[in-house]
PDB file of N, CA and C in Angstrom:
ATOM      1  N   MET A   1       0.844  -1.178   0.000  1.00  0.00           N
ATOM      2  CA  MET A   1       0.000   0.000   0.000  1.00  0.00           C
ATOM      3  C   MET A   1       0.889   1.241   0.000  1.00  0.00           C
ATOM      4  N   ASP A   2       0.437   2.262  -0.715  1.00  0.00           N
ATOM      5  CA  ASP A   2       1.100   3.560  -0.767  1.00  0.00           C
ATOM      6  C   ASP A   2       2.490   3.522  -1.391  1.00  0.00           C
ATOM      7  N   GLU A   3       2.791   2.473  -2.171  1.00  0.00           N
ATOM      8  CA  GLU A   3       4.064   2.424  -2.892  1.00  0.00           C
ATOM      9  C   GLU A   3       3.984   3.372  -4.079  1.00  0.00           C
ATOM     10  N   ARG A   4       4.954   4.273  -4.186  1.00  0.00           N
ATOM     11  CA  ARG A   4       4.955   5.248  -5.272  1.00  0.00           C
ATOM     12  C   ARG A   4       5.270   4.598  -6.613  1.00  0.00           C
ATOM     13  N   TRP A   5       6.168   3.623  -6.615  1.00  0.00           N
ATOM     14  CA  TRP A   5       6.573   2.936  -7.832  1.00  0.00           C
ATOM     15  C   TRP A   5       6.248   1.449  -7.687  1.00  0.00           C
ATOM     16  N   VAL A   6       5.506   0.903  -8.642  1.00  0.00           N
ATOM     17  CA  VAL A   6       5.215  -0.526  -8.654  1.00  0.00           C
ATOM     18  C   VAL A   6       5.608  -1.053 -10.032  1.00  0.00           C
ATOM     19  N   PHE A   7       6.670  -1.832 -10.071  1.00  0.00           N
ATOM     20  CA  PHE A   7       7.145  -2.399 -11.329  1.00  0.00           C
ATOM     21  C   PHE A   7       6.462  -3.740 -11.565  1.00  0.00           C
ATOM     22  N   HIS A   8       6.035  -3.963 -12.809  1.00  0.00           N
ATOM     23  CA  HIS A   8       5.272  -5.158 -13.160  1.00  0.00           C
ATOM     24  C   HIS A   8       5.978  -6.426 -12.702  1.00  0.00           C
ATOM     25  N   GLU A   9       7.282  -6.485 -12.896  1.00  0.00           N
ATOM     26  CA  GLU A   9       8.035  -7.687 -12.523  1.00  0.00           C
ATOM     27  C   GLU A   9       8.000  -7.957 -11.019  1.00  0.00           C
ATOM     28  N   ASP A  10       7.725  -6.928 -10.231  1.00  0.00           N
ATOM     29  CA  ASP A  10       7.664  -7.092  -8.782  1.00  0.00           C
ATOM     30  C   ASP A  10       6.249  -7.330  -8.257  1.00  0.00           C
ATOM     31  N   ALA A  11       5.257  -7.125  -9.101  1.00  0.00           N
ATOM     32  CA  ALA A  11       3.862  -7.311  -8.676  1.00  0.00           C
ATOM     33  C   ALA A  11       3.563  -8.811  -8.577  1.00  0.00           C
ATOM     34  N   ASN A  12       3.044  -9.231  -7.457  1.00  0.00           N
ATOM     35  CA  ASN A  12       2.756 -10.630  -7.206  1.00  0.00           C
ATOM     36  C   ASN A  12       1.639 -11.127  -8.125  1.00  0.00           C
ATOM     37  N   ALA A  13       1.918 -12.172  -8.908  1.00  0.00           N
ATOM     38  CA  ALA A  13       0.913 -12.780  -9.786  1.00  0.00           C
ATOM     39  C   ALA A  13       0.134 -13.810  -8.972  1.00  0.00           C
ATOM     40  N   ASN A  14      -1.157 -13.585  -8.814  1.00  0.00           N
ATOM     41  CA  ASN A  14      -2.017 -14.471  -8.047  1.00  0.00           C
ATOM     42  C   ASN A  14      -2.872 -15.281  -9.022  1.00  0.00           C
ATOM     43  N   ASP A  15      -2.537 -16.563  -9.193  1.00  0.00           N
ATOM     44  CA  ASP A  15      -3.288 -17.425 -10.103  1.00  0.00           C
ATOM     45  C   ASP A  15      -4.616 -17.778  -9.448  1.00  0.00           C
ATOM     46  N   LEU A  16      -5.705 -17.256 -10.020  1.00  0.00           N
ATOM     47  CA  LEU A  16      -7.036 -17.498  -9.464  1.00  0.00           C
ATOM     48  C   LEU A  16      -7.635 -18.806  -9.961  1.00  0.00           C
ATOM     49  N   GLY A  17      -6.919 -19.479 -10.867  1.00  0.00           N
ATOM     50  CA  GLY A  17      -7.411 -20.725 -11.445  1.00  0.00           C
ATOM     51  C   GLY A  17      -8.314 -20.469 -12.633  1.00  0.00           C
ATOM     52  N   ASN A  18      -8.565 -21.503 -13.378  1.00  0.00           N
ATOM     53  CA  ASN A  18      -9.470 -21.437 -14.532  1.00  0.00           C
ATOM     54  C   ASN A  18      -9.093 -20.359 -15.535  1.00  0.00           C
ATOM     55  N   GLY A  19      -7.772 -20.107 -15.672  1.00  0.00           N
ATOM     56  CA  GLY A  19      -7.303 -19.205 -16.722  1.00  0.00           C
ATOM     57  C   GLY A  19      -7.273 -17.734 -16.391  1.00  0.00           C
ATOM     58  N   VAL A  20      -7.314 -17.381 -15.103  1.00  0.00           N
ATOM     59  CA  VAL A  20      -7.288 -15.969 -14.700  1.00  0.00           C
ATOM     60  C   VAL A  20      -6.129 -15.739 -13.724  1.00  0.00           C
ATOM     61  N   VAL A  21      -5.321 -14.719 -14.013  1.00  0.00           N
ATOM     62  CA  VAL A  21      -4.228 -14.317 -13.123  1.00  0.00           C
ATOM     63  C   VAL A  21      -4.422 -12.851 -12.766  1.00  0.00           C
ATOM     64  N   ARG A  22      -4.356 -12.548 -11.459  1.00  0.00           N
ATOM     65  CA  ARG A  22      -4.541 -11.180 -10.964  1.00  0.00           C
ATOM     66  C   ARG A  22      -3.217 -10.635 -10.435  1.00  0.00           C
ATOM     67  N   ARG A  23      -2.930  -9.365 -10.792  1.00  0.00           N
ATOM     68  CA  ARG A  23      -1.795  -8.652 -10.220  1.00  0.00           C
ATOM     69  C   ARG A  23      -2.316  -7.345  -9.631  1.00  0.00           C
ATOM     70  N   VAL A  24      -2.175  -7.192  -8.317  1.00  0.00           N
ATOM     71  CA  VAL A  24      -2.516  -5.925  -7.686  1.00  0.00           C
ATOM     72  C   VAL A  24      -1.335  -4.997  -7.917  1.00  0.00           C
ATOM     73  N   LEU A  25      -1.606  -3.841  -8.501  1.00  0.00           N
ATOM     74  CA  LEU A  25      -0.558  -2.878  -8.810  1.00  0.00           C
ATOM     75  C   LEU A  25      -0.583  -1.776  -7.758  1.00  0.00           C
ATOM     76  N   ALA A  26      -0.479  -0.542  -8.148  1.00  0.00           N
ATOM     77  CA  ALA A  26      -0.444   0.560  -7.178  1.00  0.00           C
ATOM     78  C   ALA A  26      -1.807   0.731  -6.507  1.00  0.00           C
ATOM     79  N   TYR A  27      -1.763   1.079  -5.205  1.00  0.00           N
ATOM     80  CA  TYR A  27      -3.011   1.359  -4.494  1.00  0.00           C
ATOM     81  C   TYR A  27      -2.741   2.081  -3.188  1.00  0.00           C
ATOM     82  N   ASN A  28      -3.791   2.760  -2.731  1.00  0.00           N
ATOM     83  CA  ASN A  28      -3.846   3.301  -1.373  1.00  0.00           C
ATOM     84  C   ASN A  28      -5.250   3.004  -0.859  1.00  0.00           C
ATOM     85  N   LYS A  29      -5.635   3.555   0.274  1.00  0.00           N
ATOM     86  CA  LYS A  29      -6.941   3.202   0.850  1.00  0.00           C
ATOM     87  C   LYS A  29      -8.121   3.656  -0.007  1.00  0.00           C
ATOM     88  N   ASP A  30      -7.896   4.636  -0.875  1.00  0.00           N
ATOM     89  CA  ASP A  30      -8.982   5.203  -1.670  1.00  0.00           C
ATOM     90  C   ASP A  30      -9.064   4.681  -3.102  1.00  0.00           C
ATOM     91  N   LEU A  31      -7.983   4.110  -3.623  1.00  0.00           N
ATOM     92  CA  LEU A  31      -7.918   3.778  -5.039  1.00  0.00           C
ATOM     93  C   LEU A  31      -7.010   2.583  -5.263  1.00  0.00           C
ATOM     94  N   MET A  32      -7.381   1.705  -6.219  1.00  0.00           N
ATOM     95  CA  MET A  32      -6.572   0.515  -6.493  1.00  0.00           C
ATOM     96  C   MET A  32      -6.573   0.218  -7.979  1.00  0.00           C
ATOM     97  N   CYS A  33      -5.398  -0.154  -8.503  1.00  0.00           N
ATOM     98  CA  CYS A  33      -5.231  -0.548  -9.896  1.00  0.00           C
ATOM     99  C   CYS A  33      -4.856  -2.029  -9.934  1.00  0.00           C
ATOM    100  N   VAL A  34      -5.615  -2.824 -10.706  1.00  0.00           N
ATOM    101  CA  VAL A  34      -5.430  -4.277 -10.750  1.00  0.00           C
ATOM    102  C   VAL A  34      -5.405  -4.738 -12.202  1.00  0.00           C
ATOM    103  N   GLU A  35      -4.410  -5.572 -12.537  1.00  0.00           N
ATOM    104  CA  GLU A  35      -4.321  -6.174 -13.868  1.00  0.00           C
ATOM    105  C   GLU A  35      -4.825  -7.607 -13.795  1.00  0.00           C
ATOM    106  N   ASN A  36      -5.723  -7.963 -14.705  1.00  0.00           N
ATOM    107  CA  ASN A  36      -6.251  -9.327 -14.782  1.00  0.00           C
ATOM    108  C   ASN A  36      -5.952  -9.892 -16.164  1.00  0.00           C
ATOM    109  N   THR A  37      -5.231 -11.013 -16.209  1.00  0.00           N
ATOM    110  CA  THR A  37      -4.905 -11.678 -17.465  1.00  0.00           C
ATOM    111  C   THR A  37      -5.820 -12.885 -17.617  1.00  0.00           C
ATOM    112  N   PHE A  38      -6.503 -12.961 -18.769  1.00  0.00           N
ATOM    113  CA  PHE A  38      -7.468 -14.034 -19.032  1.00  0.00           C
ATOM    114  C   PHE A  38      -7.019 -14.884 -20.212  1.00  0.00           C
ATOM    115  N   GLU A  39      -7.129 -16.195 -20.061  1.00  0.00           N
ATOM    116  CA  GLU A  39      -6.982 -17.102 -21.188  1.00  0.00           C
ATOM    117  C   GLU A  39      -8.331 -17.192 -21.893  1.00  0.00           C
ATOM    118  N   LYS A  40      -8.295 -17.548 -23.171  1.00  0.00           N
ATOM    119  CA  LYS A  40      -9.541 -17.730 -23.924  1.00  0.00           C
ATOM    120  C   LYS A  40     -10.435 -18.729 -23.189  1.00  0.00           C
ATOM    121  N   GLY A  41     -11.701 -18.374 -23.038  1.00  0.00           N
ATOM    122  CA  GLY A  41     -12.676 -19.238 -22.372  1.00  0.00           C
ATOM    123  C   GLY A  41     -12.792 -19.013 -20.877  1.00  0.00           C
ATOM    124  N   ALA A  42     -11.851 -18.264 -20.295  1.00  0.00           N
ATOM    125  CA  ALA A  42     -11.915 -17.997 -18.848  1.00  0.00           C
ATOM    126  C   ALA A  42     -13.136 -17.141 -18.526  1.00  0.00           C
ATOM    127  N   ILE A  43     -13.667 -17.336 -17.337  1.00  0.00           N
ATOM    128  CA  ILE A  43     -14.893 -16.657 -16.929  1.00  0.00           C
ATOM    129  C   ILE A  43     -14.665 -15.838 -15.665  1.00  0.00           C
ATOM    130  N   GLY A  44     -15.122 -14.607 -15.705  1.00  0.00           N
ATOM    131  CA  GLY A  44     -15.231 -13.782 -14.506  1.00  0.00           C
ATOM    132  C   GLY A  44     -16.690 -13.892 -14.084  1.00  0.00           C
ATOM    133  N   ALA A  45     -16.980 -14.744 -13.104  1.00  0.00           N
ATOM    134  CA  ALA A  45     -18.364 -15.045 -12.715  1.00  0.00           C
ATOM    135  C   ALA A  45     -19.124 -13.782 -12.323  1.00  0.00           C
ATOM    136  N   LEU A  46     -20.425 -13.787 -12.562  1.00  0.00           N
ATOM    137  CA  LEU A  46     -21.271 -12.670 -12.154  1.00  0.00           C
ATOM    138  C   LEU A  46     -21.122 -12.444 -10.650  1.00  0.00           C
ATOM    139  N   HIS A  47     -20.925 -11.191 -10.277  1.00  0.00           N
ATOM    140  CA  HIS A  47     -20.747 -10.835  -8.871  1.00  0.00           C
ATOM    141  C   HIS A  47     -21.041  -9.346  -8.699  1.00  0.00           C
ATOM    142  N   HIS A  48     -21.023  -8.889  -7.462  1.00  0.00           N
ATOM    143  CA  HIS A  48     -21.156  -7.458  -7.176  1.00  0.00           C
ATOM    144  C   HIS A  48     -20.382  -7.164  -5.908  1.00  0.00           C
ATOM    145  N   HIS A  49     -20.050  -5.913  -5.701  1.00  0.00           N
ATOM    146  CA  HIS A  49     -19.280  -5.486  -4.534  1.00  0.00           C
ATOM    147  C   HIS A  49     -19.562  -4.007  -4.300  1.00  0.00           C
ATOM    148  N   PRO A  50     -19.260  -3.522  -3.104  1.00  0.00           N
ATOM    149  CA  PRO A  50     -19.583  -2.125  -2.773  1.00  0.00           C
ATOM    150  C   PRO A  50     -18.508  -1.126  -3.218  1.00  0.00           C
ATOM    151  N   HIS A  51     -17.870  -1.399  -4.357  1.00  0.00           N
ATOM    152  CA  HIS A  51     -16.829  -0.516  -4.886  1.00  0.00           C
ATOM    153  C   HIS A  51     -17.256  -0.044  -6.268  1.00  0.00           C
ATOM    154  N   THR A  52     -16.939   1.195  -6.596  1.00  0.00           N
ATOM    155  CA  THR A  52     -17.080   1.638  -7.976  1.00  0.00           C
ATOM    156  C   THR A  52     -15.869   1.112  -8.726  1.00  0.00           C
ATOM    157  N   GLN A  53     -16.096   0.607  -9.946  1.00  0.00           N
ATOM    158  CA  GLN A  53     -15.031  -0.033 -10.718  1.00  0.00           C
ATOM    159  C   GLN A  53     -15.073   0.450 -12.152  1.00  0.00           C
ATOM    160  N   ILE A  54     -13.911   0.802 -12.675  1.00  0.00           N
ATOM    161  CA  ILE A  54     -13.753   1.084 -14.100  1.00  0.00           C
ATOM    162  C   ILE A  54     -12.856   0.000 -14.661  1.00  0.00           C
ATOM    163  N   THR A  55     -13.259  -0.612 -15.761  1.00  0.00           N
ATOM    164  CA  THR A  55     -12.458  -1.632 -16.430  1.00  0.00           C
ATOM    165  C   THR A  55     -12.064  -1.124 -17.803  1.00  0.00           C
ATOM    166  N   TYR A  56     -10.767  -1.174 -18.075  1.00  0.00           N
ATOM    167  CA  TYR A  56     -10.213  -0.808 -19.384  1.00  0.00           C
ATOM    168  C   TYR A  56      -9.684  -2.077 -20.040  1.00  0.00           C
ATOM    169  N   VAL A  57     -10.089  -2.330 -21.294  1.00  0.00           N
ATOM    170  CA  VAL A  57      -9.624  -3.509 -22.016  1.00  0.00           C
ATOM    171  C   VAL A  57      -8.282  -3.171 -22.671  1.00  0.00           C
ATOM    172  N   VAL A  58      -7.221  -3.775 -22.141  1.00  0.00           N
ATOM    173  CA  VAL A  58      -5.876  -3.557 -22.685  1.00  0.00           C
ATOM    174  C   VAL A  58      -5.713  -4.350 -23.975  1.00  0.00           C
ATOM    175  N   SER A  59      -6.153  -5.610 -23.943  1.00  0.00           N
ATOM    176  CA  SER A  59      -6.054  -6.471 -25.129  1.00  0.00           C
ATOM    177  C   SER A  59      -7.100  -7.573 -25.025  1.00  0.00           C
ATOM    178  N   GLY A  60      -7.323  -8.259 -26.134  1.00  0.00           N
ATOM    179  CA  GLY A  60      -8.263  -9.374 -26.146  1.00  0.00           C
ATOM    180  C   GLY A  60      -9.676  -8.958 -26.513  1.00  0.00           C
ATOM    181  N   LYS A  61     -10.587  -9.914 -26.339  1.00  0.00           N
ATOM    182  CA  LYS A  61     -12.004  -9.711 -26.662  1.00  0.00           C
ATOM    183  C   LYS A  61     -12.821 -10.409 -25.582  1.00  0.00           C
ATOM    184  N   PHE A  62     -13.810  -9.695 -25.035  1.00  0.00           N
ATOM    185  CA  PHE A  62     -14.606 -10.194 -23.914  1.00  0.00           C
ATOM    186  C   PHE A  62     -16.082  -9.933 -24.151  1.00  0.00           C
ATOM    187  N   GLU A  63     -16.929 -10.848 -23.648  1.00  0.00           N
ATOM    188  CA  GLU A  63     -18.347 -10.575 -23.560  1.00  0.00           C
ATOM    189  C   GLU A  63     -18.608 -10.212 -22.105  1.00  0.00           C
ATOM    190  N   PHE A  64     -19.016  -8.956 -21.882  1.00  0.00           N
ATOM    191  CA  PHE A  64     -19.319  -8.491 -20.528  1.00  0.00           C
ATOM    192  C   PHE A  64     -20.813  -8.422 -20.327  1.00  0.00           C
ATOM    193  N   GLU A  65     -21.235  -8.730 -19.116  1.00  0.00           N
ATOM    194  CA  GLU A  65     -22.610  -8.497 -18.693  1.00  0.00           C
ATOM    195  C   GLU A  65     -22.553  -7.535 -17.517  1.00  0.00           C
ATOM    196  N   ILE A  66     -23.259  -6.420 -17.656  1.00  0.00           N
ATOM    197  CA  ILE A  66     -23.343  -5.436 -16.582  1.00  0.00           C
ATOM    198  C   ILE A  66     -24.809  -5.093 -16.381  1.00  0.00           C
ATOM    199  N   ASP A  67     -25.305  -5.366 -15.197  1.00  0.00           N
ATOM    200  CA  ASP A  67     -26.696  -5.069 -14.849  1.00  0.00           C
ATOM    201  C   ASP A  67     -27.667  -5.654 -15.865  1.00  0.00           C
ATOM    202  N   GLY A  68     -27.395  -6.907 -16.292  1.00  0.00           N
ATOM    203  CA  GLY A  68     -28.288  -7.618 -17.196  1.00  0.00           C
ATOM    204  C   GLY A  68     -28.091  -7.339 -18.670  1.00  0.00           C
ATOM    205  N   VAL A  69     -27.198  -6.418 -19.021  1.00  0.00           N
ATOM    206  CA  VAL A  69     -26.941  -6.075 -20.427  1.00  0.00           C
ATOM    207  C   VAL A  69     -25.608  -6.686 -20.853  1.00  0.00           C
ATOM    208  N   LYS A  70     -25.618  -7.406 -22.000  1.00  0.00           N
ATOM    209  CA  LYS A  70     -24.400  -8.032 -22.515  1.00  0.00           C
ATOM    210  C   LYS A  70     -23.899  -7.274 -23.743  1.00  0.00           C
ATOM    211  N   LYS A  71     -22.565  -7.070 -23.787  1.00  0.00           N
ATOM    212  CA  LYS A  71     -21.921  -6.435 -24.940  1.00  0.00           C
ATOM    213  C   LYS A  71     -20.542  -7.046 -25.128  1.00  0.00           C
ATOM    214  N   ILE A  72     -20.078  -7.033 -26.379  1.00  0.00           N
ATOM    215  CA  ILE A  72     -18.729  -7.473 -26.716  1.00  0.00           C
ATOM    216  C   ILE A  72     -17.811  -6.251 -26.656  1.00  0.00           C
ATOM    217  N   VAL A  73     -16.668  -6.399 -25.975  1.00  0.00           N
ATOM    218  CA  VAL A  73     -15.701  -5.306 -25.857  1.00  0.00           C
ATOM    219  C   VAL A  73     -14.325  -5.792 -26.285  1.00  0.00           C
ATOM    220  N   THR A  74     -13.523  -4.849 -26.808  1.00  0.00           N
ATOM    221  CA  THR A  74     -12.170  -5.152 -27.269  1.00  0.00           C
ATOM    222  C   THR A  74     -11.220  -4.049 -26.810  1.00  0.00           C
ATOM    223  N   ALA A  75      -9.957  -4.182 -27.183  1.00  0.00           N
ATOM    224  CA  ALA A  75      -8.909  -3.253 -26.755  1.00  0.00           C
ATOM    225  C   ALA A  75      -9.341  -1.798 -26.938  1.00  0.00           C
ATOM    226  N   GLY A  76      -9.167  -1.018 -25.879  1.00  0.00           N
ATOM    227  CA  GLY A  76      -9.512   0.400 -25.888  1.00  0.00           C
ATOM    228  C   GLY A  76     -10.874   0.718 -25.313  1.00  0.00           C
ATOM    229  N   ASP A  77     -11.723  -0.296 -25.144  1.00  0.00           N
ATOM    230  CA  ASP A  77     -13.059  -0.062 -24.585  1.00  0.00           C
ATOM    231  C   ASP A  77     -12.987   0.034 -23.061  1.00  0.00           C
ATOM    232  N   THR A  78     -13.933   0.764 -22.488  1.00  0.00           N
ATOM    233  CA  THR A  78     -13.974   0.996 -21.044  1.00  0.00           C
ATOM    234  C   THR A  78     -15.388   0.806 -20.535  1.00  0.00           C
ATOM    235  N   MET A  79     -15.511   0.256 -19.323  1.00  0.00           N
ATOM    236  CA  MET A  79     -16.803   0.035 -18.698  1.00  0.00           C
ATOM    237  C   MET A  79     -16.812   0.604 -17.293  1.00  0.00           C
ATOM    238  N   LEU A  80     -17.927   1.221 -16.913  1.00  0.00           N
ATOM    239  CA  LEU A  80     -18.126   1.742 -15.564  1.00  0.00           C
ATOM    240  C   LEU A  80     -19.115   0.837 -14.842  1.00  0.00           C
ATOM    241  N   LYS A  81     -18.701   0.357 -13.673  1.00  0.00           N
ATOM    242  CA  LYS A  81     -19.571  -0.482 -12.845  1.00  0.00           C
ATOM    243  C   LYS A  81     -19.709   0.207 -11.497  1.00  0.00           C
ATOM    244  N   THR A  82     -20.863   0.798 -11.278  1.00  0.00           N
ATOM    245  CA  THR A  82     -21.101   1.496 -10.018  1.00  0.00           C
ATOM    246  C   THR A  82     -21.258   0.486  -8.893  1.00  0.00           C
ATOM    247  N   ASP A  83     -21.130   0.965  -7.668  1.00  0.00           N
ATOM    248  CA  ASP A  83     -21.154   0.066  -6.524  1.00  0.00           C
ATOM    249  C   ASP A  83     -22.422  -0.784  -6.497  1.00  0.00           C
ATOM    250  N   SER A  84     -22.218  -2.051  -6.244  1.00  0.00           N
ATOM    251  CA  SER A  84     -23.250  -3.078  -6.076  1.00  0.00           C
ATOM    252  C   SER A  84     -23.945  -3.518  -7.359  1.00  0.00           C
ATOM    253  N   VAL A  85     -23.543  -3.028  -8.539  1.00  0.00           N
ATOM    254  CA  VAL A  85     -24.144  -3.501  -9.782  1.00  0.00           C
ATOM    255  C   VAL A  85     -23.544  -4.872 -10.123  1.00  0.00           C
ATOM    256  N   GLU A  86     -24.395  -5.813 -10.553  1.00  0.00           N
ATOM    257  CA  GLU A  86     -23.914  -7.149 -10.894  1.00  0.00           C
ATOM    258  C   GLU A  86     -23.215  -7.115 -12.246  1.00  0.00           C
ATOM    259  N   HIS A  87     -22.048  -7.796 -12.319  1.00  0.00           N
ATOM    260  CA  HIS A  87     -21.272  -7.811 -13.552  1.00  0.00           C
ATOM    261  C   HIS A  87     -20.400  -9.056 -13.619  1.00  0.00           C
ATOM    262  N   GLY A  88     -19.988  -9.413 -14.824  1.00  0.00           N
ATOM    263  CA  GLY A  88     -19.108 -10.553 -15.055  1.00  0.00           C
ATOM    264  C   GLY A  88     -18.736 -10.599 -16.526  1.00  0.00           C
ATOM    265  N   CYS A  89     -17.847 -11.531 -16.889  1.00  0.00           N
ATOM    266  CA  CYS A  89     -17.415 -11.598 -18.281  1.00  0.00           C
ATOM    267  C   CYS A  89     -16.991 -13.003 -18.681  1.00  0.00           C
ATOM    268  N   VAL A  90     -16.928 -13.201 -19.991  1.00  0.00           N
ATOM    269  CA  VAL A  90     -16.365 -14.402 -20.601  1.00  0.00           C
ATOM    270  C   VAL A  90     -15.305 -13.920 -21.566  1.00  0.00           C
ATOM    271  N   CYS A  91     -14.112 -14.513 -21.505  1.00  0.00           N
ATOM    272  CA  CYS A  91     -13.029 -14.127 -22.399  1.00  0.00           C
ATOM    273  C   CYS A  91     -13.174 -14.869 -23.728  1.00  0.00           C
ATOM    274  N   LEU A  92     -13.356 -14.119 -24.811  1.00  0.00           N
ATOM    275  CA  LEU A  92     -13.530 -14.705 -26.143  1.00  0.00           C
ATOM    276  C   LEU A  92     -12.200 -14.851 -26.879  1.00  0.00           C
ATOM    277  N   GLU A  93     -11.254 -13.957 -26.610  1.00  0.00           N
ATOM    278  CA  GLU A  93      -9.885 -14.021 -27.130  1.00  0.00           C
ATOM    279  C   GLU A  93      -8.972 -13.596 -25.995  1.00  0.00           C
ATOM    280  N   ALA A  94      -7.926 -14.360 -25.718  1.00  0.00           N
ATOM    281  CA  ALA A  94      -7.037 -14.091 -24.587  1.00  0.00           C
ATOM    282  C   ALA A  94      -6.701 -12.611 -24.498  1.00  0.00           C
ATOM    283  N   GLY A  95      -6.683 -12.092 -23.270  1.00  0.00           N
ATOM    284  CA  GLY A  95      -6.422 -10.668 -23.132  1.00  0.00           C
ATOM    285  C   GLY A  95      -6.196 -10.228 -21.704  1.00  0.00           C
ATOM    286  N   ILE A  96      -6.074  -8.913 -21.561  1.00  0.00           N
ATOM    287  CA  ILE A  96      -5.781  -8.291 -20.279  1.00  0.00           C
ATOM    288  C   ILE A  96      -6.796  -7.190 -20.006  1.00  0.00           C
ATOM    289  N   LEU A  97      -7.307  -7.183 -18.770  1.00  0.00           N
ATOM    290  CA  LEU A  97      -8.195  -6.123 -18.296  1.00  0.00           C
ATOM    291  C   LEU A  97      -7.486  -5.360 -17.189  1.00  0.00           C
ATOM    292  N   LEU A  98      -7.633  -4.050 -17.198  1.00  0.00           N
ATOM    293  CA  LEU A  98      -7.092  -3.214 -16.135  1.00  0.00           C
ATOM    294  C   LEU A  98      -8.272  -2.643 -15.359  1.00  0.00           C
ATOM    295  N   ASP A  99      -8.336  -2.958 -14.063  1.00  0.00           N
ATOM    296  CA  ASP A  99      -9.438  -2.509 -13.216  1.00  0.00           C
ATOM    297  C   ASP A  99      -8.960  -1.437 -12.249  1.00  0.00           C
ATOM    298  N   ILE A 100      -9.773  -0.404 -12.100  1.00  0.00           N
ATOM    299  CA  ILE A 100      -9.547   0.651 -11.119  1.00  0.00           C
ATOM    300  C   ILE A 100     -10.720   0.598 -10.142  1.00  0.00           C
ATOM    301  N   PHE A 101     -10.419   0.525  -8.859  1.00  0.00           N
ATOM    302  CA  PHE A 101     -11.452   0.434  -7.823  1.00  0.00           C
ATOM    303  C   PHE A 101     -11.384   1.632  -6.888  1.00  0.00           C
ATOM    304  N   ASN A 102     -12.565   2.092  -6.469  1.00  0.00           N
ATOM    305  CA  ASN A 102     -12.680   3.113  -5.438  1.00  0.00           C
ATOM    306  C   ASN A 102     -13.769   2.656  -4.470  1.00  0.00           C
ATOM    307  N   PRO A 103     -13.467   2.476  -3.175  1.00  0.00           N
ATOM    308  CA  PRO A 103     -12.127   2.488  -2.590  1.00  0.00           C
ATOM    309  C   PRO A 103     -11.386   1.209  -2.951  1.00  0.00           C
ATOM    310  N   MET A 104     -10.186   1.041  -2.419  1.00  0.00           N
ATOM    311  CA  MET A 104      -9.403  -0.154  -2.707  1.00  0.00           C
ATOM    312  C   MET A 104     -10.121  -1.406  -2.232  1.00  0.00           C
ATOM    313  N   ARG A 105      -9.772  -2.538  -2.865  1.00  0.00           N
ATOM    314  CA  ARG A 105     -10.355  -3.841  -2.502  1.00  0.00           C
ATOM    315  C   ARG A 105      -9.507  -4.487  -1.414  1.00  0.00           C
ATOM    316  N   GLU A 106      -9.935  -4.396  -0.177  1.00  0.00           N
ATOM    317  CA  GLU A 106      -9.190  -5.002   0.927  1.00  0.00           C
ATOM    318  C   GLU A 106      -9.104  -6.525   0.772  1.00  0.00           C
ATOM    319  N   ASP A 107     -10.114  -7.120   0.121  1.00  0.00           N
ATOM    320  CA  ASP A 107     -10.100  -8.568  -0.059  1.00  0.00           C
ATOM    321  C   ASP A 107      -9.067  -9.034  -1.073  1.00  0.00           C
ATOM    322  N   PHE A 108      -8.419  -8.117  -1.795  1.00  0.00           N
ATOM    323  CA  PHE A 108      -7.402  -8.479  -2.776  1.00  0.00           C
ATOM    324  C   PHE A 108      -5.993  -8.494  -2.191  1.00  0.00           C
ATOM    325  N   VAL A 109      -5.816  -7.955  -0.990  1.00  0.00           N
ATOM    326  CA  VAL A 109      -4.464  -7.883  -0.400  1.00  0.00           C
ATOM    327  C   VAL A 109      -4.386  -8.683   0.894  1.00  0.00           C
TER     328      VAL A 109
END
């Protein structure tokens, strides 16, 4: 927490299983940046949490469901998930998602 510099090679890769790897990057109590690497076919199960979340698609292709609406997203697309809205995804082409959370996800550290 509160590290000014976080180098990718030093960020702990947490294998969540089923083709998903999470790396918690820079964060403080108010804000958190997380990289999620997905293999093709990996699933981010539908869930919700009391954090506002922005997801930026770095690479790959995903089918996202947010609050009952499904859309296909690719590199450069961004999604806003307000607190407690149900969301999840299926990875259609291997890729990376960058998530920003407010406040930070204590359950990730």
